[in-house]
């Protein structure tokens, strides 16, 4: 018994050392990326920070200050502080025109964030080259008891280099505790990726955090899809997640993996599935509550439903699939359901 305990703690220590080494390598990559960004785009950044605010004022906006928060070959992040809100559509159009003129490339705003929801505060804009695709997002969610808290969480995140991430996580069980676990996992994933860590280091860190919890039953599924908005290449990382689907015209492809959820073991298997999407395609991700997708027959049933779905928007398709799941179950759901749909435009 003492020998078994010794081996267990030795394995735990080795696992922790490996995780720490990978995290330090991730920090090194982040710092290298920052140094590269500063070195390669210093002159362009200086021009934009010096001339953007006066150009916006000249175009009729009440701008107090403007600056650049990040810049690389495919993405420009700027912030603007307004004295008076001009309206989102107007400020978006002016900012695209002036940034494109100053940078010598055609940019389009893909994401806007206003502090406190008030444009008179500092607003942040993430701009990509106009040739980039755009994802129109739809989401539908329902708790098992139809009135309680859904234990699934989902979200999207626009990252550097023109990549957009789709995420679905299913906490163990249902209700508030499951929602807290899955929400914490997605929050940690988002923060690490935004900071510049790679996907492998991020998943290792989340797995380590959950595995070290006092509750041995603490684990969640982690279903991630990375979409390159320039090339259309998609990369699925599925740890315990239900199958996903890509609808191209009348055909539907299934994307699945047998990897375990995060938090169950000290080390985790990372399997990446690469695919390709074009404009007009739909990416469908869901928790396993959608028709209880635990086997091949369930996945094939969902595939047929998606194939037969009428021409819909991303939001309408998400709601359509949720309604079908409720109808098939006779109104008695066996698990929480979350459906996340992205239309490539």
Protein backbone atom coordinates (compact mmCIF):
# COMPACT_ATOMS: atom_id res chain seq x y z
CA UNK A 1 0.00 0.00 0.00
CA UNK A 2 2.85 2.40 0.83
CA UNK A 3 4.55 1.52 -2.46
CA UNK A 4 1.34 2.23 -4.41
CA UNK A 5 0.91 5.58 -2.65
CA UNK A 6 4.52 6.51 -3.36
CA UNK A 7 4.09 5.71 -7.04
CA UNK A 8 0.87 7.74 -7.16
CA UNK A 9 2.43 10.89 -5.72
CA UNK A 10 5.54 10.47 -7.85
CA UNK A 11 3.32 10.35 -10.94
CA UNK A 12 1.47 13.45 -9.69
CA UNK A 13 4.75 15.30 -9.22
CA UNK A 14 6.02 14.34 -12.67
CA UNK A 15 2.73 15.44 -14.21
CA UNK A 16 2.94 18.80 -12.43
CA UNK A 17 6.52 19.28 -13.60
CA UNK A 18 5.51 18.56 -17.19
CA UNK A 19 2.59 20.96 -16.99
CA UNK A 20 4.80 23.70 -15.53
CA UNK A 21 7.40 23.17 -18.28
CA UNK A 22 4.73 23.48 -20.98
CA UNK A 23 3.33 26.61 -19.34
CA UNK A 24 6.78 28.21 -19.23
CA UNK A 25 7.23 27.37 -22.91
CA UNK A 26 3.86 28.99 -23.56
CA UNK A 27 4.93 32.15 -21.73
CA UNK A 28 8.08 32.22 -23.84
CA UNK A 29 6.00 31.99 -27.03
CA UNK A 30 3.75 34.84 -25.84
CA UNK A 31 6.72 37.10 -25.13
CA UNK A 32 8.30 36.23 -28.47
CA UNK A 33 5.05 37.12 -30.22
CA UNK A 34 4.89 40.49 -28.46
CA UNK A 35 8.49 41.26 -29.40
CA UNK A 36 7.83 40.28 -33.02
CA UNK A 37 4.73 42.46 -33.18
CA UNK A 38 6.60 45.48 -31.83
CA UNK A 39 9.58 44.95 -34.12
CA UNK A 40 7.72 44.24 -37.36
CA UNK A 41 4.92 46.81 -37.15
CA UNK A 42 6.49 49.65 -35.21
CA UNK A 43 6.40 52.20 -38.05
CA UNK A 44 2.81 51.36 -39.09
CA UNK A 45 1.70 51.56 -35.48
CA UNK A 46 3.31 54.98 -35.02
CA UNK A 47 1.57 56.33 -38.14
CA UNK A 48 -1.84 55.05 -37.04
CA UNK A 49 -1.49 56.31 -33.46
CA UNK A 50 -0.33 59.73 -34.66
CA UNK A 51 -2.82 60.33 -37.47
CA UNK A 52 -5.95 58.32 -36.64
CA UNK A 53 -7.53 60.70 -34.10
CA UNK A 54 -7.08 63.86 -36.26
CA UNK A 55 -8.41 61.99 -39.31
CA UNK A 56 -11.54 60.89 -37.42
CA UNK A 57 -12.13 64.43 -36.15
CA UNK A 58 -11.76 65.76 -39.69
CA UNK A 59 -14.37 63.22 -40.83
CA UNK A 60 -16.90 64.63 -38.36
CA UNK A 61 -16.53 62.43 -35.28
CA UNK A 62 -16.27 63.91 -31.79
CA UNK A 63 -13.07 62.08 -30.87
CA UNK A 64 -11.05 62.84 -27.74
CA UNK A 65 -8.26 60.29 -28.30
CA UNK A 66 -7.41 57.16 -30.31
CA UNK A 67 -4.69 54.51 -30.22
CA UNK A 68 -3.59 51.01 -31.26
CA UNK A 69 -3.80 48.11 -28.82
CA UNK A 70 -2.51 45.36 -31.16
CA UNK A 71 -1.36 44.93 -34.75
CA UNK A 72 -0.18 42.07 -36.93
CA UNK A 73 -0.25 41.04 -40.59
CA UNK A 74 -4.00 40.28 -40.61
CA UNK A 75 -5.52 42.14 -37.67
CA UNK A 76 -5.58 45.70 -36.33
CA UNK A 77 -7.05 46.49 -32.91
CA UNK A 78 -7.71 50.16 -32.18
CA UNK A 79 -9.50 52.06 -29.41
CA UNK A 80 -11.31 55.37 -29.73
CA UNK A 81 -12.61 57.63 -26.95
CA UNK A 82 -15.64 59.70 -28.01
CA UNK A 83 -16.99 62.88 -26.52
CA UNK A 84 -20.39 62.15 -28.02
CA UNK A 85 -21.66 58.85 -29.45
CA UNK A 86 -22.12 59.06 -33.25
CA UNK A 87 -23.93 55.71 -33.56
CA UNK A 88 -22.32 52.34 -34.28
CA UNK A 89 -22.92 52.19 -38.04
CA UNK A 90 -21.59 55.71 -38.62
CA UNK A 91 -18.44 55.31 -36.52
CA UNK A 92 -17.81 51.86 -38.03
CA UNK A 93 -17.90 53.22 -41.59
CA UNK A 94 -15.65 56.21 -40.84
CA UNK A 95 -13.15 54.09 -38.91
CA UNK A 96 -12.91 51.55 -41.75
CA UNK A 97 -12.32 54.29 -44.32
CA UNK A 98 -9.65 56.16 -42.36
CA UNK A 99 -7.80 53.06 -41.15
CA UNK A 100 -7.73 51.65 -44.68
CA UNK A 101 -6.40 54.96 -46.06
CA UNK A 102 -3.67 55.26 -43.44
CA UNK A 103 -2.60 51.59 -43.62
CA UNK A 104 -2.82 51.21 -47.40
CA UNK A 105 -5.06 48.10 -47.16
CA UNK A 106 -8.82 47.66 -47.12
CA UNK A 107 -10.01 46.83 -43.59
CA UNK A 108 -13.47 45.99 -42.22
CA UNK A 109 -14.63 46.07 -38.59
CA UNK A 110 -15.45 42.56 -37.36
CA UNK A 111 -15.99 43.25 -33.66
CA UNK A 112 -16.89 46.27 -31.53
CA UNK A 113 -16.74 46.49 -27.73
CA UNK A 114 -17.96 49.53 -25.83
CA UNK A 115 -17.05 49.91 -22.14
CA UNK A 116 -20.20 49.68 -20.10
CA UNK A 117 -22.21 49.57 -23.32
CA UNK A 118 -21.82 53.34 -23.70
CA UNK A 119 -20.04 54.65 -26.78
CA UNK A 120 -19.08 57.83 -24.96
CA UNK A 121 -16.55 55.69 -23.11
CA UNK A 122 -13.59 54.06 -24.80
CA UNK A 123 -14.69 51.78 -27.67
CA UNK A 124 -12.51 48.99 -29.04
CA UNK A 125 -12.57 47.81 -32.64
CA UNK A 126 -11.02 44.66 -34.10
CA UNK A 127 -10.50 45.01 -37.86
CA UNK A 128 -9.57 42.39 -40.44
CA UNK A 129 -8.72 42.70 -44.10
CA UNK A 130 -11.91 42.88 -46.18
CA UNK A 131 -11.27 39.56 -47.89
CA UNK A 132 -11.84 37.76 -44.57
CA UNK A 133 -14.94 35.63 -44.09
CA UNK A 134 -17.47 36.45 -41.37
CA UNK A 135 -19.30 34.08 -39.04
CA UNK A 136 -22.97 34.77 -38.31
CA UNK A 137 -23.71 33.11 -34.97
CA UNK A 138 -26.91 31.48 -33.75
CA UNK A 139 -27.49 29.89 -30.36
CA UNK A 140 -30.33 27.96 -28.69
CA UNK A 141 -30.28 26.50 -25.19
CA UNK A 142 -32.67 24.63 -22.91
CA UNK A 143 -32.30 23.14 -19.42
CA UNK A 144 -33.34 19.56 -18.76
CA UNK A 145 -36.31 20.62 -16.67
CA UNK A 146 -37.04 23.45 -19.20
CA UNK A 147 -37.19 26.10 -16.45
CA UNK A 148 -33.96 25.65 -14.50
CA UNK A 149 -30.36 26.64 -15.16
CA UNK A 150 -28.71 24.98 -18.14
CA UNK A 151 -25.43 23.29 -17.19
CA UNK A 152 -23.91 23.85 -20.65
CA UNK A 153 -21.99 26.94 -21.69
CA UNK A 154 -21.01 28.20 -25.14
CA UNK A 155 -19.35 31.22 -26.67
CA UNK A 156 -17.29 32.70 -29.48
CA UNK A 157 -14.03 34.62 -29.46
CA UNK A 158 -12.28 36.52 -32.26
CA UNK A 159 -8.53 35.93 -31.91
CA UNK A 160 -5.41 37.37 -33.51
CA UNK A 161 -4.37 36.39 -37.03
CA UNK A 162 -8.00 36.37 -38.19
CA UNK A 163 -9.15 33.26 -36.34
CA UNK A 164 -12.55 32.91 -34.67
CA UNK A 165 -13.13 30.32 -31.97
CA UNK A 166 -16.43 28.54 -31.29
CA UNK A 167 -16.76 26.83 -27.90
CA UNK A 168 -19.21 24.47 -26.20
CA UNK A 169 -18.67 22.96 -22.74
CA UNK A 170 -20.88 20.56 -20.80
CA UNK A 171 -20.36 20.39 -17.04
CA UNK A 172 -20.91 17.13 -15.20
CA UNK A 173 -24.58 16.76 -14.30
CA UNK A 174 -27.11 19.54 -14.72
CA UNK A 175 -28.05 22.83 -13.10
CA UNK A 176 -26.08 25.57 -11.40
CA UNK A 177 -23.03 23.49 -10.38
CA UNK A 178 -22.58 22.13 -13.91
CA UNK A 179 -23.00 25.65 -15.33
CA UNK A 180 -20.34 26.99 -12.95
CA UNK A 181 -17.85 24.29 -13.99
CA UNK A 182 -18.40 24.65 -17.74
CA UNK A 183 -18.45 28.46 -17.52
CA UNK A 184 -15.17 28.53 -15.58
CA UNK A 185 -13.54 26.21 -18.13
CA UNK A 186 -14.56 28.39 -21.10
CA UNK A 187 -13.53 31.58 -19.26
CA UNK A 188 -10.05 30.18 -18.58
CA UNK A 189 -9.70 28.96 -22.18
CA UNK A 190 -10.69 32.39 -23.52
CA UNK A 191 -8.31 34.30 -21.25
CA UNK A 192 -5.32 32.08 -22.04
CA UNK A 193 -5.89 32.17 -25.81
CA UNK A 194 -6.42 35.94 -25.75
CA UNK A 195 -3.12 36.27 -23.89
CA UNK A 196 -1.37 34.45 -26.73
CA UNK A 197 -0.99 30.88 -25.41
CA UNK A 198 -1.30 28.08 -27.95
CA UNK A 199 -4.22 25.65 -27.89
CA UNK A 200 -2.19 22.71 -26.49
CA UNK A 201 -0.84 24.69 -23.52
CA UNK A 202 -4.31 26.13 -22.87
CA UNK A 203 -6.00 22.73 -22.75
CA UNK A 204 -3.20 21.29 -20.57
CA UNK A 205 -3.65 24.17 -18.13
CA UNK A 206 -7.43 23.77 -17.91
CA UNK A 207 -7.05 20.01 -17.49
CA UNK A 208 -4.47 20.50 -14.73
CA UNK A 209 -6.65 23.03 -12.92
CA UNK A 210 -9.64 20.67 -12.92
CA UNK A 211 -7.59 17.57 -12.08
CA UNK A 212 -6.14 19.26 -8.98
CA UNK A 213 -9.55 20.16 -7.59
CA UNK A 214 -10.42 18.49 -4.32
CA UNK A 215 -13.54 17.02 -5.93
CA UNK A 216 -12.37 13.98 -7.88
CA UNK A 217 -15.55 14.13 -9.96
CA UNK A 218 -14.78 17.59 -11.37
CA UNK A 219 -14.53 17.37 -15.15
CA UNK A 220 -16.14 18.99 -18.18
CA UNK A 221 -16.31 18.39 -21.91
CA UNK A 222 -14.42 20.90 -24.02
CA UNK A 223 -15.47 21.28 -27.64
CA UNK A 224 -13.57 23.89 -29.66
CA UNK A 225 -13.63 24.85 -33.34
CA UNK A 226 -11.04 27.29 -34.70
CA UNK A 227 -11.98 28.91 -38.02
CA UNK A 228 -9.38 30.75 -40.09
CA UNK A 229 -11.46 33.57 -41.57
CA UNK A 230 -8.99 34.03 -44.45
CA UNK A 231 -8.36 30.48 -45.64
CA UNK A 232 -11.55 28.82 -44.39
CA UNK A 233 -9.57 26.07 -42.64
CA UNK A 234 -11.27 24.75 -39.51
CA UNK A 235 -9.60 22.91 -36.67
CA UNK A 236 -11.72 20.95 -34.20
CA UNK A 237 -10.37 20.10 -30.75
CA UNK A 238 -12.82 17.76 -29.03
CA UNK A 239 -12.32 16.51 -25.49
CA UNK A 240 -15.44 14.58 -24.56
CA UNK A 241 -17.56 16.76 -26.83
CA UNK A 242 -20.47 15.44 -28.89
CA UNK A 243 -20.05 15.15 -32.67
CA UNK A 244 -20.14 18.37 -34.68
CA UNK A 245 -21.50 18.83 -38.20
CA UNK A 246 -20.55 20.84 -41.29
CA UNK A 247 -23.41 21.50 -43.70
CA UNK A 248 -22.26 22.30 -47.27
CA UNK A 249 -25.25 22.68 -49.56
CA UNK A 250 -27.28 19.47 -49.32
CA UNK A 251 -24.48 17.37 -47.78
CA UNK A 252 -23.49 17.14 -44.11
CA UNK A 253 -20.16 15.93 -42.71
CA UNK A 254 -19.75 14.56 -39.16
CA UNK A 255 -16.75 15.57 -37.04
CA UNK A 256 -16.12 13.41 -33.97
CA UNK A 257 -13.41 12.25 -31.59
CA UNK A 258 -13.05 9.70 -28.80
CA UNK A 259 -10.88 11.89 -26.53
CA UNK A 260 -11.89 12.05 -22.84
CA UNK A 261 -13.22 15.17 -21.07
CA UNK A 262 -10.75 17.51 -19.37
CA UNK A 263 -10.10 17.03 -15.66
CA UNK A 264 -10.45 13.23 -15.59
CA UNK A 265 -6.74 12.35 -15.94
CA UNK A 266 -3.45 14.09 -15.15
CA UNK A 267 -2.45 14.02 -18.81
CA UNK A 268 -4.86 14.42 -21.64
CA UNK A 269 -5.03 13.22 -25.23
CA UNK A 270 -5.26 16.07 -27.73
CA UNK A 271 -6.74 15.18 -31.09
CA UNK A 272 -7.21 17.82 -33.79
CA UNK A 273 -9.50 17.29 -36.77
CA UNK A 274 -8.88 19.61 -39.72
CA UNK A 275 -11.57 20.45 -42.27
CA UNK A 276 -12.42 23.21 -44.75
CA UNK A 277 -15.43 25.53 -44.94
CA UNK A 278 -16.55 27.93 -47.65
CA UNK A 279 -18.99 30.82 -47.74
CA UNK A 280 -22.53 29.53 -47.34
CA UNK A 281 -21.52 26.56 -45.14
CA UNK A 282 -22.87 25.99 -41.62
CA UNK A 283 -20.91 24.68 -38.62
CA UNK A 284 -23.16 23.02 -36.02
CA UNK A 285 -21.84 22.29 -32.53
CA UNK A 286 -23.94 20.95 -29.67
CA UNK A 287 -23.82 19.32 -26.26
CA UNK A 288 -24.73 15.64 -26.12
CA UNK A 289 -28.22 16.51 -24.92
CA UNK A 290 -29.14 17.08 -28.56
CA UNK A 291 -30.88 13.72 -29.22
CA UNK A 292 -28.50 12.07 -26.72
CA UNK A 293 -25.60 11.76 -29.16
CA UNK A 294 -23.81 8.87 -27.46
CA UNK A 295 -23.50 6.53 -30.45
CA UNK A 296 -23.28 6.46 -34.22
CA UNK A 297 -27.04 6.02 -34.68
CA UNK A 298 -27.73 9.25 -32.75
CA UNK A 299 -25.18 11.17 -34.81
CA UNK A 300 -26.66 9.85 -38.06
CA UNK A 301 -30.14 10.93 -36.95
CA UNK A 302 -28.93 14.48 -36.25
CA UNK A 303 -27.13 14.46 -39.61
CA UNK A 304 -30.38 13.59 -41.44
CA UNK A 305 -32.27 16.32 -39.58
CA UNK A 306 -29.65 18.91 -40.59
CA UNK A 307 -29.70 17.66 -44.21
CA UNK A 308 -33.47 18.03 -44.35
CA UNK A 309 -33.57 21.42 -42.64
CA UNK A 310 -34.94 24.23 -44.83
CA UNK A 311 -32.75 27.16 -45.86
CA UNK A 312 -32.36 29.04 -42.58
CA UNK A 313 -30.20 31.63 -40.87
CA UNK A 314 -27.76 30.50 -38.16
CA UNK A 315 -30.17 31.48 -35.37
CA UNK A 316 -33.16 29.88 -37.07
CA UNK A 317 -31.24 26.63 -37.62
CA UNK A 318 -30.19 26.50 -33.95
CA UNK A 319 -33.80 26.96 -32.85
CA UNK A 320 -35.01 24.40 -35.43
CA UNK A 321 -32.63 21.73 -34.06
CA UNK A 322 -33.66 22.48 -30.47
CA UNK A 323 -37.34 22.13 -31.40
CA UNK A 324 -36.64 18.80 -33.13
CA UNK A 325 -34.81 17.51 -30.03
CA UNK A 326 -37.75 18.44 -27.80
CA UNK A 327 -40.21 16.82 -30.23
CA UNK A 328 -38.22 13.57 -30.48
CA UNK A 329 -37.96 13.32 -26.67
CA UNK A 330 -41.69 13.87 -26.27
CA UNK A 331 -40.96 16.91 -24.15
CA UNK A 332 -39.04 14.87 -21.54
CA UNK A 333 -35.39 15.84 -21.95
CA UNK A 334 -32.74 13.57 -20.49
CA UNK A 335 -30.02 16.25 -20.39
CA UNK A 336 -29.41 19.95 -20.90
CA UNK A 337 -29.18 21.03 -24.54
CA UNK A 338 -27.04 23.71 -26.16
CA UNK A 339 -26.83 24.27 -29.92
CA UNK A 340 -24.27 26.67 -31.42
CA UNK A 341 -24.45 27.36 -35.18
CA UNK A 342 -22.07 29.47 -37.29
CA UNK A 343 -22.90 30.47 -40.86
CA UNK A 344 -19.83 31.26 -42.98
CA UNK A 345 -20.44 34.50 -44.93
